N, C-alpha and C. Protein backbone atom coordinates (compact mmCIF):
# COMPACT_ATOMS: atom_id res chain seq x y z
N MET A 1 77.18 142.21 42.44
CA MET A 1 78.52 142.24 42.17
C MET A 1 78.84 143.08 40.96
N ASN A 2 78.43 144.40 40.96
CA ASN A 2 78.63 145.19 39.77
C ASN A 2 80.17 145.47 39.53
N ARG A 3 80.98 145.21 40.55
CA ARG A 3 82.48 145.39 40.20
C ARG A 3 82.94 144.45 39.26
N ILE A 4 82.38 143.26 39.30
CA ILE A 4 82.80 142.21 38.29
C ILE A 4 82.47 142.76 36.91
N LYS A 5 81.21 143.28 36.79
CA LYS A 5 80.83 143.78 35.47
C LYS A 5 81.64 144.95 35.10
N GLU A 6 81.97 145.88 35.99
CA GLU A 6 82.85 147.00 35.79
C GLU A 6 84.08 146.54 35.21
N LEU A 7 84.86 145.61 35.92
CA LEU A 7 86.13 145.09 35.46
C LEU A 7 86.01 144.41 34.20
N ARG A 8 85.05 143.58 33.96
CA ARG A 8 84.83 142.91 32.68
C ARG A 8 84.70 143.94 31.51
N LYS A 9 83.89 144.93 31.65
CA LYS A 9 83.69 145.96 30.59
C LYS A 9 84.97 146.70 30.41
N GLY A 10 85.73 146.99 31.56
CA GLY A 10 86.96 147.69 31.40
C GLY A 10 87.90 147.05 30.44
N LYS A 11 87.84 145.73 30.44
CA LYS A 11 88.75 144.94 29.63
C LYS A 11 88.08 144.65 28.21
N GLU A 12 86.83 145.21 27.97
CA GLU A 12 86.16 145.04 26.82
C GLU A 12 85.84 143.48 26.44
N LEU A 13 85.49 142.79 27.54
CA LEU A 13 85.27 141.40 27.54
C LEU A 13 83.67 141.21 27.59
N LYS A 14 83.21 140.19 26.78
CA LYS A 14 81.74 139.72 26.78
C LYS A 14 81.71 138.77 27.87
N GLN A 15 80.47 138.60 28.43
CA GLN A 15 80.27 137.59 29.41
C GLN A 15 80.68 136.27 29.01
N VAL A 16 80.50 135.79 27.78
CA VAL A 16 80.85 134.54 27.41
C VAL A 16 82.33 134.28 27.46
N GLU A 17 83.06 135.31 27.13
CA GLU A 17 84.46 135.23 27.18
C GLU A 17 84.98 135.18 28.56
N LEU A 18 84.51 135.88 29.49
CA LEU A 18 85.07 135.89 30.75
C LEU A 18 84.58 134.54 31.37
N SER A 19 83.34 134.12 31.08
CA SER A 19 82.86 132.84 31.71
C SER A 19 83.81 131.68 31.24
N LYS A 20 84.25 131.69 30.18
CA LYS A 20 85.16 130.73 29.71
C LYS A 20 86.54 130.67 30.44
N ILE A 21 87.05 131.94 30.58
CA ILE A 21 88.26 132.20 31.36
C ILE A 21 88.14 131.57 32.85
N LEU A 22 86.92 131.84 33.34
CA LEU A 22 86.73 131.47 34.79
C LEU A 22 86.23 129.98 34.81
N GLY A 23 85.98 129.39 33.77
CA GLY A 23 85.43 128.02 33.84
C GLY A 23 84.01 127.84 34.38
N VAL A 24 83.17 128.86 34.28
CA VAL A 24 81.92 128.92 34.76
C VAL A 24 80.88 129.14 33.66
N SER A 25 79.61 128.89 33.79
CA SER A 25 78.65 129.17 32.73
C SER A 25 78.40 130.57 32.65
N GLN A 26 77.87 131.05 31.45
CA GLN A 26 77.59 132.50 31.34
C GLN A 26 76.51 132.90 32.32
N ALA A 27 75.55 131.93 32.62
CA ALA A 27 74.48 132.26 33.37
C ALA A 27 74.92 132.52 34.90
N ALA A 28 76.00 131.71 35.25
CA ALA A 28 76.57 131.91 36.64
C ALA A 28 77.27 133.23 36.67
N LEU A 29 78.04 133.60 35.57
CA LEU A 29 78.59 134.95 35.63
C LEU A 29 77.69 136.07 35.48
N SER A 30 76.54 135.92 34.85
CA SER A 30 75.55 136.93 34.87
C SER A 30 74.97 137.11 36.32
N GLY A 31 74.80 135.99 37.04
CA GLY A 31 74.28 135.96 38.44
C GLY A 31 75.30 136.62 39.33
N TYR A 32 76.61 136.42 39.15
CA TYR A 32 77.46 137.10 39.91
C TYR A 32 77.46 138.70 39.80
N GLU A 33 77.36 139.06 38.40
CA GLU A 33 77.28 140.48 38.12
C GLU A 33 76.01 141.25 38.68
N THR A 34 74.91 140.43 38.72
CA THR A 34 73.62 141.04 39.23
C THR A 34 73.50 140.85 40.64
N GLY A 35 74.38 140.07 41.40
CA GLY A 35 74.19 139.84 42.76
C GLY A 35 73.28 138.66 43.17
N ASN A 36 72.70 137.95 42.16
CA ASN A 36 71.91 136.86 42.48
C ASN A 36 72.64 135.64 42.91
N TYR A 37 73.87 135.45 42.66
CA TYR A 37 74.75 134.41 42.94
C TYR A 37 75.99 135.01 43.50
N GLN A 38 76.59 134.22 44.46
CA GLN A 38 77.89 134.74 45.10
C GLN A 38 78.84 133.75 44.65
N PRO A 39 80.00 134.24 43.97
CA PRO A 39 81.10 133.48 43.52
C PRO A 39 81.81 132.81 44.78
N ASP A 40 82.15 131.51 44.57
CA ASP A 40 82.88 131.04 45.69
C ASP A 40 84.28 131.47 45.78
N ASN A 41 85.11 131.13 46.75
CA ASN A 41 86.48 131.66 47.05
C ASN A 41 87.33 131.47 45.74
N ASP A 42 87.29 130.20 44.99
CA ASP A 42 88.06 130.03 43.93
C ASP A 42 87.83 130.96 42.78
N ILE A 43 86.54 131.17 42.57
CA ILE A 43 86.26 132.10 41.51
C ILE A 43 86.61 133.52 41.87
N LEU A 44 86.50 133.92 43.17
CA LEU A 44 87.02 135.32 43.41
C LEU A 44 88.45 135.40 43.27
N ILE A 45 89.25 134.41 43.63
CA ILE A 45 90.71 134.49 43.54
C ILE A 45 90.96 134.45 42.00
N LYS A 46 90.33 133.77 41.14
CA LYS A 46 90.65 133.80 39.64
C LYS A 46 90.29 135.15 39.14
N LEU A 47 89.18 135.74 39.64
CA LEU A 47 88.74 137.11 39.22
C LEU A 47 89.90 138.06 39.54
N ALA A 48 90.31 138.01 40.71
CA ALA A 48 91.38 139.05 41.23
C ALA A 48 92.61 138.83 40.55
N ASP A 49 93.02 137.63 40.33
CA ASP A 49 94.16 137.33 39.55
C ASP A 49 94.19 137.82 38.11
N TYR A 50 93.06 137.51 37.53
CA TYR A 50 92.84 137.90 36.03
C TYR A 50 92.83 139.44 35.95
N PHE A 51 92.16 140.13 36.83
CA PHE A 51 92.02 141.55 36.74
C PHE A 51 93.04 142.40 37.48
N ASP A 52 93.99 141.61 38.01
CA ASP A 52 95.02 142.18 38.80
C ASP A 52 94.50 143.13 39.95
N THR A 53 93.67 142.63 40.78
CA THR A 53 93.05 143.55 41.82
C THR A 53 92.85 142.58 43.03
N THR A 54 92.26 142.98 43.96
CA THR A 54 92.02 142.21 45.13
C THR A 54 90.67 141.76 45.29
N VAL A 55 90.58 140.59 46.12
CA VAL A 55 89.25 140.01 46.42
C VAL A 55 88.41 141.10 47.07
N ASP A 56 89.11 141.82 47.96
CA ASP A 56 88.22 142.88 48.67
C ASP A 56 87.80 143.95 47.72
N TYR A 57 88.42 144.32 46.79
CA TYR A 57 87.96 145.19 45.84
C TYR A 57 86.73 144.61 45.05
N ILE A 58 86.83 143.43 44.63
CA ILE A 58 85.86 142.73 43.98
C ILE A 58 84.45 142.78 44.83
N LEU A 59 84.62 142.46 46.05
CA LEU A 59 83.54 142.33 47.05
C LEU A 59 82.96 143.61 47.58
N GLY A 60 83.69 144.68 47.16
CA GLY A 60 83.18 146.13 47.43
C GLY A 60 83.69 146.49 48.89
N ASN A 61 84.65 145.79 49.48
CA ASN A 61 85.08 146.09 50.88
C ASN A 61 86.04 147.22 50.86
N THR A 62 86.54 147.56 49.72
CA THR A 62 87.52 148.68 49.51
C THR A 62 87.33 149.26 48.17
N ASP A 63 87.74 150.46 48.01
CA ASP A 63 87.79 151.15 46.68
C ASP A 63 89.10 151.14 46.11
N ILE A 64 90.08 150.58 46.86
CA ILE A 64 91.47 150.56 46.41
C ILE A 64 91.58 149.18 45.52
N LYS A 65 91.85 149.39 44.22
CA LYS A 65 91.89 148.23 43.27
C LYS A 65 93.05 147.28 43.59
N LYS A 66 94.16 147.84 43.86
CA LYS A 66 95.25 147.14 44.22
C LYS A 66 96.20 147.68 45.23
N ALA A 67 96.67 146.94 46.19
CA ALA A 67 97.47 147.58 47.21
C ALA A 67 98.87 147.82 46.42
N PRO A 68 99.56 148.95 46.69
CA PRO A 68 100.75 149.23 46.07
C PRO A 68 101.78 148.19 46.66
N SER A 69 102.70 147.88 45.84
CA SER A 69 103.91 147.02 46.14
C SER A 69 104.92 147.92 46.82
N TYR A 70 105.86 147.29 47.62
CA TYR A 70 106.83 147.98 48.24
C TYR A 70 107.73 148.96 47.13
N GLU A 71 107.78 148.30 45.90
CA GLU A 71 108.50 149.02 44.94
C GLU A 71 107.71 150.37 44.45
N ASP A 72 106.47 150.20 44.50
CA ASP A 72 105.57 151.32 44.13
C ASP A 72 105.67 152.42 45.09
N ALA A 73 106.02 152.00 46.43
CA ALA A 73 106.16 153.04 47.51
C ALA A 73 107.60 153.58 47.50
N GLY A 74 108.44 153.12 46.71
CA GLY A 74 109.78 153.48 46.68
C GLY A 74 110.66 152.92 47.66
N LEU A 75 110.35 151.75 48.19
CA LEU A 75 111.10 150.98 49.21
C LEU A 75 111.86 149.77 48.69
N SER A 76 113.06 149.64 49.19
CA SER A 76 113.72 148.46 48.77
C SER A 76 113.29 147.18 49.52
N ALA A 77 113.64 146.04 49.17
CA ALA A 77 113.18 144.85 49.91
C ALA A 77 113.48 144.90 51.32
N ASP A 78 114.77 145.34 51.60
CA ASP A 78 115.28 145.45 53.03
C ASP A 78 114.37 146.50 53.76
N GLU A 79 114.21 147.51 53.18
CA GLU A 79 113.30 148.54 53.92
C GLU A 79 111.93 148.03 54.18
N ALA A 80 111.28 147.30 53.15
CA ALA A 80 109.88 146.72 53.33
C ALA A 80 109.98 145.70 54.50
N GLU A 81 111.01 144.85 54.69
CA GLU A 81 111.20 143.93 55.67
C GLU A 81 111.23 144.59 57.06
N LEU A 82 112.03 145.74 56.93
CA LEU A 82 112.14 146.51 58.30
C LEU A 82 110.88 147.02 58.61
N LEU A 83 110.15 147.45 57.79
CA LEU A 83 108.79 148.10 58.15
C LEU A 83 107.89 147.01 58.72
N VAL A 84 107.91 145.82 58.06
CA VAL A 84 107.09 144.81 58.63
C VAL A 84 107.48 144.38 60.01
N ASP A 85 108.78 144.34 60.28
CA ASP A 85 109.33 144.00 61.72
C ASP A 85 108.89 145.20 62.65
N PHE A 86 109.12 146.33 62.11
CA PHE A 86 108.68 147.57 62.98
C PHE A 86 107.22 147.51 63.38
N ARG A 87 106.38 147.11 62.53
CA ARG A 87 104.96 146.95 62.89
C ARG A 87 104.65 145.88 63.90
N LYS A 88 105.53 145.12 64.22
CA LYS A 88 105.39 143.91 65.23
C LYS A 88 105.68 144.54 66.61
N LEU A 89 106.34 145.66 66.71
CA LEU A 89 106.84 146.17 67.97
C LEU A 89 105.74 146.79 68.82
N THR A 90 105.75 146.82 70.13
CA THR A 90 104.94 147.50 70.83
C THR A 90 105.13 149.03 70.77
N ASP A 91 104.14 149.95 71.12
CA ASP A 91 104.25 151.28 70.99
C ASP A 91 105.50 151.80 71.72
N ASP A 92 105.95 151.41 72.86
CA ASP A 92 107.20 151.82 73.49
C ASP A 92 108.27 151.58 72.67
N GLN A 93 108.30 150.26 72.15
CA GLN A 93 109.48 149.84 71.34
C GLN A 93 109.61 150.73 70.06
N LYS A 94 108.47 151.00 69.42
CA LYS A 94 108.48 151.86 68.36
C LYS A 94 109.07 153.19 68.57
N ALA A 95 108.53 153.86 69.61
CA ALA A 95 108.97 155.10 70.16
C ALA A 95 110.59 155.05 70.27
N PHE A 96 111.02 154.14 70.99
CA PHE A 96 112.56 154.02 71.20
C PHE A 96 113.29 153.93 69.80
N VAL A 97 112.78 153.15 68.92
CA VAL A 97 113.47 152.99 67.57
C VAL A 97 113.35 154.33 66.92
N LEU A 98 112.23 155.01 66.85
CA LEU A 98 112.07 156.34 66.22
C LEU A 98 113.09 157.34 66.75
N GLN A 99 113.13 157.41 68.10
CA GLN A 99 114.15 158.34 68.70
C GLN A 99 115.61 157.95 68.29
N ALA A 100 115.91 156.74 68.25
CA ALA A 100 117.20 156.36 67.81
C ALA A 100 117.47 156.73 66.36
N VAL A 101 116.61 156.50 65.43
CA VAL A 101 116.68 156.81 64.09
C VAL A 101 116.81 158.28 63.89
N LYS A 102 116.07 159.10 64.62
CA LYS A 102 116.03 160.55 64.50
C LYS A 102 117.48 161.05 65.11
N ALA A 103 117.94 160.52 66.11
CA ALA A 103 119.31 160.91 66.62
C ALA A 103 120.26 160.61 65.68
N GLU A 104 120.25 159.47 65.06
CA GLU A 104 121.33 159.16 64.11
C GLU A 104 121.20 160.05 62.96
N ALA A 105 120.07 160.44 62.43
CA ALA A 105 119.80 161.39 61.32
C ALA A 105 120.40 162.82 61.68
N ILE A 106 120.20 163.23 62.92
CA ILE A 106 120.70 164.48 63.39
C ILE A 106 122.20 164.49 63.37
N ARG A 107 122.93 163.37 63.94
CA ARG A 107 124.17 163.23 64.08
C ARG A 107 124.83 163.26 62.54
N ARG A 108 124.30 162.62 61.63
CA ARG A 108 124.88 162.50 60.36
C ARG A 108 124.69 163.90 59.63
N ALA A 109 123.72 164.56 59.88
CA ALA A 109 123.54 165.87 59.33
C ALA A 109 124.59 166.84 59.90
N ASP A 110 124.86 166.72 61.28
CA ASP A 110 125.77 167.55 61.83
C ASP A 110 127.13 167.22 61.24
N GLU A 111 127.47 165.96 60.92
CA GLU A 111 128.73 165.48 60.47
C GLU A 111 128.89 166.19 59.23
N GLN A 112 127.85 166.19 58.27
CA GLN A 112 128.09 166.70 56.94
C GLN A 112 128.24 168.09 56.80
N LYS A 113 127.88 168.92 57.80
CA LYS A 113 128.04 170.29 57.97
C LYS A 113 129.45 170.63 58.14
N LYS A 114 130.28 169.66 58.84
CA LYS A 114 131.70 170.03 59.06
C LYS A 114 132.46 170.00 57.91
């Protein structure tokens, strides 16, 4: 779990400091960092929360430290909700919705030219 060590060093923390934050022994933290021990789910969640990252990043399942929020993507809450709903549709339904949106965009562009 060299990601834990990388995150800890990035915050300039000593093992003893992070182990106190997590409520584990320094030996346990050292074991997590070397891969000799696996942190349980509670510890993984504490690590992710503390370092503002994801459990997947800590486990090495992704190189993305944190998924962007909808605000980071420039979306309003309504737009983000619409995207979530859109993803639930079948491929045919998505195609229909996209055609309708494109047709409306063309109609509005034509209207603005007048």
